[in-house]
Amino acid sequence: MSLIRVPNAPIKLTFTNIDKIFHGFAYFMLALSWLIAYYKKPNKKYWIVILCIVFGIIIEILQSKITLYRSGDYLDVIANSAGALSALLIFNIISKKK
């Protein structure tokens, strides 16, 4: 989905950069899913978040370099990273309560 052509939305949204919320949420869910999957191996949690962030960077580079219809955006990288880091924060809070 990160590299496919996305059709124009039938409804025009007037919010600027609302896609950053979607980016953040997607990477929050991606990181949280992996953190839960590796719950029994707490030494892996920082690697999981780092790899999610690196994945986001690679996707943005690929969008700008190998497609003519998508563009890379550093704000997307920031939103992706914030989502992954937020997942780590929430995961740490929840796992310490148990």
Protein backbone atom coordinates (compact mmCIF):
# COMPACT_ATOMS: atom_id res chain seq x y z
CA MET A 1 0.00 0.00 0.00
CA SER A 2 2.91 2.32 0.61
CA LEU A 3 3.99 2.19 -3.00
CA ILE A 4 0.70 1.86 -4.89
CA ARG A 5 -1.16 4.60 -6.68
CA VAL A 6 -3.92 6.02 -4.52
CA PRO A 7 -6.98 7.40 -6.32
CA ASN A 8 -8.25 10.86 -5.52
CA ALA A 9 -10.68 10.88 -2.63
CA PRO A 10 -14.29 11.52 -3.67
CA ILE A 11 -14.66 13.89 -0.72
CA LYS A 12 -12.19 16.71 -0.35
CA LEU A 13 -10.97 17.08 3.22
CA THR A 14 -9.98 20.56 4.28
CA PHE A 15 -7.56 19.55 7.03
CA THR A 16 -3.93 20.21 6.28
CA ASN A 17 -1.61 17.25 6.79
CA ILE A 18 -4.35 15.01 8.19
CA ASP A 19 -2.51 12.08 6.62
CA LYS A 20 0.13 12.48 9.33
CA ILE A 21 -2.45 11.27 11.86
CA PHE A 22 -2.98 8.17 9.73
CA HIS A 23 0.77 7.64 9.45
CA GLY A 24 1.21 7.94 13.19
CA PHE A 25 -1.67 5.57 13.90
CA ALA A 26 -0.45 3.00 11.39
CA TYR A 27 3.05 2.92 12.85
CA PHE A 28 1.64 2.93 16.39
CA MET A 29 -0.32 -0.22 15.53
CA LEU A 30 2.63 -1.77 13.66
CA ALA A 31 5.01 -1.28 16.57
CA LEU A 32 2.45 -2.23 19.21
CA SER A 33 1.62 -5.45 17.37
CA TRP A 34 5.27 -6.47 17.31
CA LEU A 35 5.79 -5.41 20.92
CA ILE A 36 2.89 -7.59 22.02
CA ALA A 37 4.12 -10.49 19.88
CA TYR A 38 7.53 -10.30 21.58
CA TYR A 39 6.19 -9.52 25.05
CA LYS A 40 8.21 -12.36 26.61
CA LYS A 41 11.46 -10.94 25.21
CA PRO A 42 11.75 -7.42 26.66
CA ASN A 43 15.30 -6.98 25.35
CA LYS A 44 13.82 -6.92 21.81
CA LYS A 45 11.45 -3.99 22.34
CA TYR A 46 13.95 -1.26 21.44
CA TRP A 47 15.01 -3.15 18.33
CA ILE A 48 11.38 -3.48 17.31
CA VAL A 49 10.84 0.28 17.51
CA ILE A 50 14.13 1.07 15.76
CA LEU A 51 13.26 -1.32 12.93
CA CYS A 52 9.77 0.19 12.57
CA ILE A 53 11.34 3.65 12.28
CA VAL A 54 13.93 2.43 9.76
CA PHE A 55 11.15 0.72 7.79
CA GLY A 56 9.26 4.04 7.65
CA ILE A 57 12.35 5.84 6.41
CA ILE A 58 12.98 3.22 3.73
CA ILE A 59 9.37 3.39 2.52
CA GLU A 60 9.56 7.19 2.20
CA ILE A 61 12.81 6.94 0.24
CA LEU A 62 11.32 4.29 -2.05
CA GLN A 63 8.24 6.41 -2.64
CA SER A 64 10.38 9.32 -3.76
CA LYS A 65 12.85 7.31 -5.84
CA ILE A 66 10.99 4.48 -7.59
CA THR A 67 7.50 5.84 -8.18
CA LEU A 68 6.32 8.69 -10.34
CA TYR A 69 3.01 9.05 -8.52
CA ARG A 70 4.11 9.11 -4.86
CA SER A 71 6.49 11.43 -3.06
CA GLY A 72 8.59 11.02 0.06
CA ASP A 73 7.93 13.41 2.90
CA TYR A 74 10.08 14.00 5.96
CA LEU A 75 6.93 14.89 7.90
CA ASP A 76 5.69 11.37 7.21
CA VAL A 77 8.92 10.02 8.70
CA ILE A 78 8.37 12.14 11.80
CA ALA A 79 4.76 10.97 12.11
CA ASN A 80 5.78 7.33 11.60
CA SER A 81 8.51 7.65 14.22
CA ALA A 82 6.19 9.37 16.68
CA GLY A 83 3.67 6.57 16.26
CA ALA A 84 6.27 3.86 16.89
CA LEU A 85 7.71 5.70 19.89
CA SER A 86 4.22 6.27 21.29
CA ALA A 87 3.57 2.54 21.05
CA LEU A 88 6.73 1.89 23.06
CA LEU A 89 5.65 4.41 25.69
CA ILE A 90 2.16 2.90 26.02
CA PHE A 91 3.57 -0.63 26.00
CA ASN A 92 6.03 0.23 28.79
CA ILE A 93 3.29 1.83 30.90
CA ILE A 94 0.93 -1.12 30.46
CA SER A 95 3.57 -3.81 30.95
CA LYS A 96 4.80 -2.25 34.21
CA LYS A 97 1.29 -2.38 35.69
CA LYS A 98 1.22 -6.19 35.37
